[in-house]
Amino acid sequence: MRKLFLALIVGTIAQVHSTTGKVPTQEQLQTADAQLNQVYQQFRGTLNDTQKEQLKLDGNNWKQLDK
């Protein structure tokens, strides 16, 4: 599940970059973030309770990497 979530993030940023050919602006990143959140919520809605818990744990682990 972690790989899928990472792929969503990378794909969203890559889409913004490939569209403009430049480093994304703050506005573009905010738009991409909103799109990513929408896809995440749709994806989360397809999971059972165990998978949702694993996704939550993966997200918490991801946050720890950012520190």
C-alpha atoms as a PDB file:
ATOM      1  CA  MET A   1       0.000   0.000   0.000  1.00  0.00           C
ATOM      2  CA  ARG A   2       2.906   2.316   0.729  1.00  0.00           C
ATOM      3  CA  LYS A   3       4.120   1.925  -2.852  1.00  0.00           C
ATOM      4  CA  LEU A   4       0.711   2.841  -4.235  1.00  0.00           C
ATOM      5  CA  PHE A   5       0.488   5.951  -2.075  1.00  0.00           C
ATOM      6  CA  LEU A   6       4.011   6.990  -3.074  1.00  0.00           C
ATOM      7  CA  ALA A   7       3.139   6.423  -6.729  1.00  0.00           C
ATOM      8  CA  LEU A   8       0.136   8.737  -6.354  1.00  0.00           C
ATOM      9  CA  ILE A   9       2.314  11.490  -4.920  1.00  0.00           C
ATOM     10  CA  VAL A  10       5.108  11.152  -7.456  1.00  0.00           C
ATOM     11  CA  GLY A  11       2.656  10.862 -10.336  1.00  0.00           C
ATOM     12  CA  THR A  12       0.820  14.007  -9.310  1.00  0.00           C
ATOM     13  CA  ILE A  13       4.006  16.067  -9.040  1.00  0.00           C
ATOM     14  CA  ALA A  14       5.375  14.621 -12.289  1.00  0.00           C
ATOM     15  CA  GLN A  15       2.160  15.555 -14.063  1.00  0.00           C
ATOM     16  CA  VAL A  16       2.490  19.181 -12.955  1.00  0.00           C
ATOM     17  CA  HIS A  17       6.156  19.249 -13.972  1.00  0.00           C
ATOM     18  CA  SER A  18       5.583  17.659 -17.380  1.00  0.00           C
ATOM     19  CA  THR A  19       2.720  20.030 -18.144  1.00  0.00           C
ATOM     20  CA  THR A  20       4.783  23.152 -17.535  1.00  0.00           C
ATOM     21  CA  GLY A  21       8.354  21.933 -18.039  1.00  0.00           C
ATOM     22  CA  LYS A  22       9.272  23.911 -14.926  1.00  0.00           C
ATOM     23  CA  VAL A  23       9.356  23.426 -11.190  1.00  0.00           C
ATOM     24  CA  PRO A  24       5.731  23.649 -10.009  1.00  0.00           C
ATOM     25  CA  THR A  25       4.512  26.944  -8.556  1.00  0.00           C
ATOM     26  CA  GLN A  26       2.857  27.090  -5.143  1.00  0.00           C
ATOM     27  CA  GLU A  27      -0.542  27.353  -6.818  1.00  0.00           C
ATOM     28  CA  GLN A  28       0.137  24.308  -8.990  1.00  0.00           C
ATOM     29  CA  LEU A  29       1.277  22.348  -5.948  1.00  0.00           C
ATOM     30  CA  GLN A  30      -1.897  23.319  -4.091  1.00  0.00           C
ATOM     31  CA  THR A  31      -4.006  22.173  -7.046  1.00  0.00           C
ATOM     32  CA  ALA A  32      -2.063  18.924  -7.248  1.00  0.00           C
ATOM     33  CA  ASP A  33      -2.466  18.437  -3.486  1.00  0.00           C
ATOM     34  CA  ALA A  34      -6.230  18.876  -3.781  1.00  0.00           C
ATOM     35  CA  GLN A  35      -6.330  16.338  -6.614  1.00  0.00           C
ATOM     36  CA  LEU A  36      -4.177  13.930  -4.629  1.00  0.00           C
ATOM     37  CA  ASN A  37      -6.455  14.264  -1.605  1.00  0.00           C
ATOM     38  CA  GLN A  38      -9.479  13.509  -3.777  1.00  0.00           C
ATOM     39  CA  VAL A  39      -7.853  10.383  -5.240  1.00  0.00           C
ATOM     40  CA  TYR A  40      -6.700   9.313  -1.772  1.00  0.00           C
ATOM     41  CA  GLN A  41     -10.231   9.601  -0.374  1.00  0.00           C
ATOM     42  CA  GLN A  42     -11.642   7.634  -3.306  1.00  0.00           C
ATOM     43  CA  PHE A  43      -8.978   4.962  -2.846  1.00  0.00           C
ATOM     44  CA  ARG A  44      -9.524   4.821   0.913  1.00  0.00           C
ATOM     45  CA  GLY A  45     -13.229   4.260   0.321  1.00  0.00           C
ATOM     46  CA  THR A  46     -12.450   0.991  -1.468  1.00  0.00           C
ATOM     47  CA  LEU A  47     -10.545  -0.484   1.485  1.00  0.00           C
ATOM     48  CA  ASN A  48     -11.751  -2.749   4.262  1.00  0.00           C
ATOM     49  CA  ASP A  49     -11.112  -1.827   7.918  1.00  0.00           C
ATOM     50  CA  THR A  50      -7.837  -3.774   8.114  1.00  0.00           C
ATOM     51  CA  GLN A  51      -6.511  -2.117   4.969  1.00  0.00           C
ATOM     52  CA  LYS A  52      -7.571   1.318   6.229  1.00  0.00           C
ATOM     53  CA  GLU A  53      -5.641   0.719   9.453  1.00  0.00           C
ATOM     54  CA  GLN A  54      -2.564  -0.360   7.482  1.00  0.00           C
ATOM     55  CA  LEU A  55      -2.849   2.752   5.308  1.00  0.00           C
ATOM     56  CA  LYS A  56      -3.015   4.886   8.455  1.00  0.00           C
ATOM     57  CA  LEU A  57       0.090   3.176   9.862  1.00  0.00           C
ATOM     58  CA  ASP A  58       1.921   3.633   6.569  1.00  0.00           C
ATOM     59  CA  GLY A  59       0.993   7.324   6.576  1.00  0.00           C
ATOM     60  CA  ASN A  60       2.309   7.737  10.111  1.00  0.00           C
ATOM     61  CA  ASN A  61       5.543   5.975   9.146  1.00  0.00           C
ATOM     62  CA  TRP A  62       5.836   8.263   6.129  1.00  0.00           C
ATOM     63  CA  LYS A  63       5.503  11.328   8.387  1.00  0.00           C
ATOM     64  CA  GLN A  64       8.309  10.014  10.585  1.00  0.00           C
ATOM     65  CA  LEU A  65      10.615   9.917   7.557  1.00  0.00           C
ATOM     66  CA  ASP A  66       9.996  13.624   7.006  1.00  0.00           C
ATOM     67  CA  LYS A  67      11.443  14.564  10.405  1.00  0.00           C
END
